[in-house]
Amino acid sequence: MKHSKGYRWFSKSTRNPSGTSYQQKNHNRVIELQQSAKLEGGHFAIGGGRPEGLETGYNVAPAIITDITPYARVAKEEILAPVLLVLTYHDEEEAIRIANDTELNAAVYSANMVMALAVVRRLDSDNVSVNNGQYLDVAIPFRWRQAVRVRS
């Protein structure tokens, strides 16, 4: 079992890497997006690339990328891999602009539910979760998009 800063790369039950991509095309795209993040100033706080000891197959190490702008390619495209982007903002208005300038899903986290719901009303997204809660009504049309987390 591999560990990195307390994170476990393998499932206890299957010993499969948690970041396995089952198609070479997707694996190559994820690696390409991670490389573009580095070129655009992103910093990998953890992970990225292939997990150590798994040089064969389509394995991608879970990653947390910081210091990335909302306009970076990796922030604009869906990543079918365990990759978390940390985007920063200065105020609520900027956070809403960032969230509305993407075709990805949105999430709002706040201790103040009144403020959270006020932000939700201003988001142009097919699907918004609040404090990690999510309800999807299958009767409502839904475009597949990746989560963008906005703290308020």
C-alpha atoms as a PDB file:
ATOM      1  CA  MET A   1       0.000   0.000   0.000  1.00  0.00           C
ATOM      2  CA  LYS A   2       1.422   3.382  -1.037  1.00  0.00           C
ATOM      3  CA  HIS A   3       0.947   6.511   1.056  1.00  0.00           C
ATOM      4  CA  SER A   4       1.628  10.154   0.334  1.00  0.00           C
ATOM      5  CA  LYS A   5       1.113  12.706   3.078  1.00  0.00           C
ATOM      6  CA  GLY A   6      -1.450  10.409   4.698  1.00  0.00           C
ATOM      7  CA  TYR A   7      -3.402   9.661   1.504  1.00  0.00           C
ATOM      8  CA  ARG A   8      -3.895   6.026   0.519  1.00  0.00           C
ATOM      9  CA  TRP A   9      -3.418   5.281  -3.184  1.00  0.00           C
ATOM     10  CA  PHE A  10      -4.934   1.784  -3.046  1.00  0.00           C
ATOM     11  CA  SER A  11      -8.283   0.431  -1.979  1.00  0.00           C
ATOM     12  CA  LYS A  12      -7.938  -2.147   0.827  1.00  0.00           C
ATOM     13  CA  SER A  13     -10.365  -4.507  -0.892  1.00  0.00           C
ATOM     14  CA  THR A  14      -9.188  -4.476  -4.505  1.00  0.00           C
ATOM     15  CA  ARG A  15      -5.646  -3.077  -4.404  1.00  0.00           C
ATOM     16  CA  ASN A  16      -6.667  -1.024  -7.467  1.00  0.00           C
ATOM     17  CA  PRO A  17      -5.328   2.505  -7.700  1.00  0.00           C
ATOM     18  CA  SER A  18      -8.001   5.024  -6.848  1.00  0.00           C
ATOM     19  CA  GLY A  19      -7.123   7.003  -9.969  1.00  0.00           C
ATOM     20  CA  THR A  20      -7.363   4.293 -12.597  1.00  0.00           C
ATOM     21  CA  SER A  21      -8.507   5.461 -16.007  1.00  0.00           C
ATOM     22  CA  TYR A  22      -9.843   2.581 -18.053  1.00  0.00           C
ATOM     23  CA  GLN A  23      -9.042   4.043 -21.463  1.00  0.00           C
ATOM     24  CA  GLN A  24      -5.703   5.170 -22.844  1.00  0.00           C
ATOM     25  CA  LYS A  25      -7.348   8.152 -24.577  1.00  0.00           C
ATOM     26  CA  ASN A  26      -8.706   9.513 -21.268  1.00  0.00           C
ATOM     27  CA  HIS A  27      -5.454   8.739 -19.447  1.00  0.00           C
ATOM     28  CA  ASN A  28      -3.452  10.693 -22.019  1.00  0.00           C
ATOM     29  CA  ARG A  29      -5.922  13.602 -21.811  1.00  0.00           C
ATOM     30  CA  VAL A  30      -5.671  13.746 -18.003  1.00  0.00           C
ATOM     31  CA  ILE A  31      -1.861  13.761 -18.162  1.00  0.00           C
ATOM     32  CA  GLU A  32      -2.016  16.473 -20.859  1.00  0.00           C
ATOM     33  CA  LEU A  33      -4.364  18.605 -18.711  1.00  0.00           C
ATOM     34  CA  GLN A  34      -2.058  18.220 -15.715  1.00  0.00           C
ATOM     35  CA  GLN A  35       0.918  19.287 -17.833  1.00  0.00           C
ATOM     36  CA  SER A  36      -1.019  22.297 -19.095  1.00  0.00           C
ATOM     37  CA  ALA A  37      -1.783  23.228 -15.469  1.00  0.00           C
ATOM     38  CA  LYS A  38       1.964  23.290 -14.715  1.00  0.00           C
ATOM     39  CA  LEU A  39       2.658  25.398 -17.818  1.00  0.00           C
ATOM     40  CA  GLU A  40      -0.064  27.853 -16.752  1.00  0.00           C
ATOM     41  CA  GLY A  41       1.436  28.307 -13.282  1.00  0.00           C
ATOM     42  CA  GLY A  42      -0.400  25.617 -11.335  1.00  0.00           C
ATOM     43  CA  HIS A  43       1.309  24.075  -8.320  1.00  0.00           C
ATOM     44  CA  PHE A  44       0.669  20.449  -7.368  1.00  0.00           C
ATOM     45  CA  ALA A  45       0.137  20.412  -3.611  1.00  0.00           C
ATOM     46  CA  ILE A  46      -0.129  16.633  -3.868  1.00  0.00           C
ATOM     47  CA  GLY A  47      -0.053  13.980  -6.570  1.00  0.00           C
ATOM     48  CA  GLY A  48      -0.294  14.356 -10.305  1.00  0.00           C
ATOM     49  CA  GLY A  49       1.095  12.164 -13.034  1.00  0.00           C
ATOM     50  CA  ARG A  50       1.472   8.452 -12.420  1.00  0.00           C
ATOM     51  CA  PRO A  51       1.524   6.988  -8.913  1.00  0.00           C
ATOM     52  CA  GLU A  52       4.984   5.782  -7.905  1.00  0.00           C
ATOM     53  CA  GLY A  53       5.391   2.092  -8.666  1.00  0.00           C
ATOM     54  CA  LEU A  54       2.576   2.024 -11.233  1.00  0.00           C
ATOM     55  CA  GLU A  55       4.412   2.832 -14.446  1.00  0.00           C
ATOM     56  CA  THR A  56       2.206   0.556 -16.554  1.00  0.00           C
ATOM     57  CA  GLY A  57      -1.517   0.781 -17.184  1.00  0.00           C
ATOM     58  CA  TYR A  58      -3.622   3.923 -17.108  1.00  0.00           C
ATOM     59  CA  ASN A  59      -3.059   5.035 -13.529  1.00  0.00           C
ATOM     60  CA  VAL A  60      -3.304   8.678 -12.477  1.00  0.00           C
ATOM     61  CA  ALA A  61      -2.334   9.802  -8.990  1.00  0.00           C
ATOM     62  CA  PRO A  62      -5.023  11.855  -7.238  1.00  0.00           C
ATOM     63  CA  ALA A  63      -3.971  15.509  -7.343  1.00  0.00           C
ATOM     64  CA  ILE A  64      -4.688  18.844  -5.705  1.00  0.00           C
ATOM     65  CA  ILE A  65      -3.684  21.801  -7.897  1.00  0.00           C
ATOM     66  CA  THR A  66      -3.329  25.302  -6.438  1.00  0.00           C
ATOM     67  CA  ASP A  67      -2.229  28.672  -7.856  1.00  0.00           C
ATOM     68  CA  ILE A  68      -4.308  28.161 -10.981  1.00  0.00           C
ATOM     69  CA  THR A  69      -6.423  30.867 -12.599  1.00  0.00           C
ATOM     70  CA  PRO A  70     -10.069  30.363 -13.552  1.00  0.00           C
ATOM     71  CA  TYR A  71      -9.006  30.908 -17.174  1.00  0.00           C
ATOM     72  CA  ALA A  72      -6.527  28.014 -17.260  1.00  0.00           C
ATOM     73  CA  ARG A  73      -7.410  25.143 -19.560  1.00  0.00           C
ATOM     74  CA  VAL A  74      -7.541  22.701 -16.632  1.00  0.00           C
ATOM     75  CA  ALA A  75     -10.160  24.928 -14.952  1.00  0.00           C
ATOM     76  CA  LYS A  76     -12.341  25.078 -18.063  1.00  0.00           C
ATOM     77  CA  GLU A  77     -12.454  21.414 -19.086  1.00  0.00           C
ATOM     78  CA  GLU A  78     -13.968  18.405 -17.368  1.00  0.00           C
ATOM     79  CA  ILE A  79     -11.351  16.086 -15.892  1.00  0.00           C
ATOM     80  CA  LEU A  80     -12.415  12.466 -15.585  1.00  0.00           C
ATOM     81  CA  ALA A  81      -9.883  11.743 -12.854  1.00  0.00           C
ATOM     82  CA  PRO A  82      -9.370  12.465  -9.142  1.00  0.00           C
ATOM     83  CA  VAL A  83      -8.140  16.038  -9.600  1.00  0.00           C
ATOM     84  CA  LEU A  84      -9.192  18.932  -7.346  1.00  0.00           C
ATOM     85  CA  LEU A  85      -8.517  22.540  -8.336  1.00  0.00           C
ATOM     86  CA  VAL A  86      -8.256  25.238  -5.681  1.00  0.00           C
ATOM     87  CA  LEU A  87      -9.360  28.584  -7.130  1.00  0.00           C
ATOM     88  CA  THR A  88      -9.123  31.749  -5.056  1.00  0.00           C
ATOM     89  CA  TYR A  89     -11.174  34.936  -5.207  1.00  0.00           C
ATOM     90  CA  HIS A  90     -11.284  38.293  -3.409  1.00  0.00           C
ATOM     91  CA  ASP A  91     -15.002  38.750  -2.755  1.00  0.00           C
ATOM     92  CA  GLU A  92     -18.400  37.204  -3.346  1.00  0.00           C
ATOM     93  CA  GLU A  93     -18.885  39.065  -6.649  1.00  0.00           C
ATOM     94  CA  GLU A  94     -15.665  37.625  -8.069  1.00  0.00           C
ATOM     95  CA  ALA A  95     -16.582  34.116  -6.863  1.00  0.00           C
ATOM     96  CA  ILE A  96     -19.934  34.341  -8.642  1.00  0.00           C
ATOM     97  CA  ARG A  97     -18.266  35.661 -11.832  1.00  0.00           C
ATOM     98  CA  ILE A  98     -15.806  32.730 -11.776  1.00  0.00           C
ATOM     99  CA  ALA A  99     -18.593  30.193 -11.243  1.00  0.00           C
ATOM    100  CA  ASN A 100     -20.773  31.708 -13.972  1.00  0.00           C
ATOM    101  CA  ASP A 101     -17.883  31.810 -16.455  1.00  0.00           C
ATOM    102  CA  THR A 102     -17.748  28.035 -16.703  1.00  0.00           C
ATOM    103  CA  GLU A 103     -19.985  25.288 -18.015  1.00  0.00           C
ATOM    104  CA  LEU A 104     -19.208  23.154 -14.985  1.00  0.00           C
ATOM    105  CA  ASN A 105     -21.476  22.454 -12.024  1.00  0.00           C
ATOM    106  CA  ALA A 106     -21.437  24.647  -8.932  1.00  0.00           C
ATOM    107  CA  ALA A 107     -21.288  24.081  -5.192  1.00  0.00           C
ATOM    108  CA  VAL A 108     -21.682  26.614  -2.387  1.00  0.00           C
ATOM    109  CA  TYR A 109     -20.281  26.035   1.108  1.00  0.00           C
ATOM    110  CA  SER A 110     -21.243  28.389   3.911  1.00  0.00           C
ATOM    111  CA  ALA A 111     -22.172  28.382   7.600  1.00  0.00           C
ATOM    112  CA  ASN A 112     -24.728  31.066   6.702  1.00  0.00           C
ATOM    113  CA  MET A 113     -27.575  29.372   4.790  1.00  0.00           C
ATOM    114  CA  VAL A 114     -29.298  32.679   3.978  1.00  0.00           C
ATOM    115  CA  MET A 115     -26.102  33.909   2.286  1.00  0.00           C
ATOM    116  CA  ALA A 116     -25.551  30.528   0.589  1.00  0.00           C
ATOM    117  CA  LEU A 117     -29.048  30.523  -0.927  1.00  0.00           C
ATOM    118  CA  ALA A 118     -28.633  34.148  -2.065  1.00  0.00           C
ATOM    119  CA  VAL A 119     -25.469  33.080  -3.910  1.00  0.00           C
ATOM    120  CA  VAL A 120     -27.209  30.009  -5.379  1.00  0.00           C
ATOM    121  CA  ARG A 121     -29.921  32.226  -6.897  1.00  0.00           C
ATOM    122  CA  ARG A 122     -27.222  34.152  -8.794  1.00  0.00           C
ATOM    123  CA  LEU A 123     -25.442  31.121 -10.226  1.00  0.00           C
ATOM    124  CA  ASP A 124     -26.021  30.148 -13.836  1.00  0.00           C
ATOM    125  CA  SER A 125     -25.592  26.402 -13.464  1.00  0.00           C
ATOM    126  CA  ASP A 126     -27.656  23.319 -14.229  1.00  0.00           C
ATOM    127  CA  ASN A 127     -26.839  21.834 -10.868  1.00  0.00           C
ATOM    128  CA  VAL A 128     -25.806  23.523  -7.612  1.00  0.00           C
ATOM    129  CA  SER A 129     -25.136  21.752  -4.334  1.00  0.00           C
ATOM    130  CA  VAL A 130     -25.105  23.511  -0.975  1.00  0.00           C
ATOM    131  CA  ASN A 131     -22.785  22.325   1.802  1.00  0.00           C
ATOM    132  CA  ASN A 132     -22.168  19.081  -0.056  1.00  0.00           C
ATOM    133  CA  GLY A 133     -25.860  18.235  -0.266  1.00  0.00           C
ATOM    134  CA  GLN A 134     -27.172  17.497  -3.696  1.00  0.00           C
ATOM    135  CA  TYR A 135     -30.557  16.644  -5.107  1.00  0.00           C
ATOM    136  CA  LEU A 136     -30.923  15.705  -8.735  1.00  0.00           C
ATOM    137  CA  ASP A 137     -34.426  15.551 -10.122  1.00  0.00           C
ATOM    138  CA  VAL A 138     -34.215  13.149 -13.062  1.00  0.00           C
ATOM    139  CA  ALA A 139     -37.156  14.936 -14.692  1.00  0.00           C
ATOM    140  CA  ILE A 140     -35.038  18.081 -15.123  1.00  0.00           C
ATOM    141  CA  PRO A 141     -32.670  18.163 -18.141  1.00  0.00           C
ATOM    142  CA  PHE A 142     -29.069  17.956 -16.993  1.00  0.00           C
ATOM    143  CA  ARG A 143     -25.819  18.703 -18.797  1.00  0.00           C
ATOM    144  CA  TRP A 144     -22.876  16.754 -17.360  1.00  0.00           C
ATOM    145  CA  ARG A 145     -20.457  19.195 -15.786  1.00  0.00           C
ATOM    146  CA  GLN A 146     -17.760  19.073 -13.130  1.00  0.00           C
ATOM    147  CA  ALA A 147     -18.122  20.726  -9.726  1.00  0.00           C
ATOM    148  CA  VAL A 148     -16.765  24.205  -9.076  1.00  0.00           C
ATOM    149  CA  ARG A 149     -16.706  24.979  -5.379  1.00  0.00           C
ATOM    150  CA  VAL A 150     -17.410  28.533  -4.278  1.00  0.00           C
ATOM    151  CA  ARG A 151     -17.130  29.451  -0.591  1.00  0.00           C
ATOM    152  CA  SER A 152     -19.250  32.286   0.728  1.00  0.00           C
END
